[in-house]
């Protein structure tokens, strides 16, 4: 996910995206635990996407104040 895509999202869309990414990370961790994870680098990418989304959420909150 690119930063330009995140910038265009509204606050509600960002919250939904964050929820989806956290669910995906949970599923990846579960697959990793049972040795069925095909691409371990996907976990790293999802974690970074979560951080990007959280950063933009925080940025929008601080600019609203």
Protein backbone atom coordinates (compact mmCIF):
# COMPACT_ATOMS: atom_id res chain seq x y z
CA UNK A 1 0.00 0.00 0.00
CA UNK A 2 1.40 3.37 -0.98
CA UNK A 3 1.32 6.56 1.04
CA UNK A 4 -0.47 8.36 -1.79
CA UNK A 5 -3.35 5.87 -1.54
CA UNK A 6 -3.58 6.42 2.21
CA UNK A 7 -3.60 10.21 1.87
CA UNK A 8 -6.75 10.07 -0.24
CA UNK A 9 -8.71 8.06 2.35
CA UNK A 10 -11.16 9.54 4.83
CA UNK A 11 -10.94 8.94 8.58
CA UNK A 12 -13.59 6.20 8.47
CA UNK A 13 -11.88 4.47 5.57
CA UNK A 14 -8.58 4.58 7.46
CA UNK A 15 -10.18 3.00 10.52
CA UNK A 16 -11.65 0.22 8.36
CA UNK A 17 -8.33 -0.33 6.61
CA UNK A 18 -6.56 -0.54 9.97
CA UNK A 19 -9.09 -3.11 11.16
CA UNK A 20 -8.59 -5.18 7.98
CA UNK A 21 -4.81 -5.03 8.23
CA UNK A 22 -4.85 -6.13 11.86
CA UNK A 23 -7.07 -9.07 10.92
CA UNK A 24 -4.70 -9.99 8.09
CA UNK A 25 -1.71 -9.82 10.44
CA UNK A 26 -3.53 -12.09 12.90
CA UNK A 27 -4.19 -14.60 10.13
CA UNK A 28 -0.56 -14.46 8.98
CA UNK A 29 0.68 -15.04 12.53
CA UNK A 30 -1.65 -18.01 12.86
CA UNK A 31 -0.38 -19.47 9.58
CA UNK A 32 3.19 -18.92 10.76
CA UNK A 33 2.48 -20.77 14.00
CA UNK A 34 1.22 -23.85 12.15
CA UNK A 35 3.99 -23.67 9.51
CA UNK A 36 1.68 -22.88 6.59
CA UNK A 37 2.98 -19.40 5.81
CA UNK A 38 4.04 -19.16 2.16
CA UNK A 39 5.59 -15.69 2.19
CA UNK A 40 7.05 -14.61 5.56
CA UNK A 41 7.92 -11.18 4.14
CA UNK A 42 4.19 -10.46 3.89
CA UNK A 43 4.09 -10.13 7.69
CA UNK A 44 6.68 -7.38 7.53
CA UNK A 45 4.78 -5.58 4.77
CA UNK A 46 1.50 -5.73 6.70
CA UNK A 47 3.18 -4.37 9.84
CA UNK A 48 4.54 -1.45 7.83
CA UNK A 49 1.13 -0.78 6.30
CA UNK A 50 -0.39 -0.74 9.79
CA UNK A 51 2.23 1.79 10.88
CA UNK A 52 1.53 3.97 7.82
CA UNK A 53 -2.21 3.96 8.44
CA UNK A 54 -1.75 4.75 12.14
CA UNK A 55 0.58 7.62 11.23
CA UNK A 56 -1.97 9.17 8.88
CA UNK A 57 -4.77 8.70 11.42
CA UNK A 58 -2.69 10.51 14.01
CA UNK A 59 -1.78 13.22 11.50
CA UNK A 60 -5.47 13.83 10.71
CA UNK A 61 -6.35 13.96 14.41
CA UNK A 62 -3.64 16.49 15.16
CA UNK A 63 -4.55 18.68 12.18
CA UNK A 64 -8.23 18.68 13.23
CA UNK A 65 -7.36 20.17 16.62
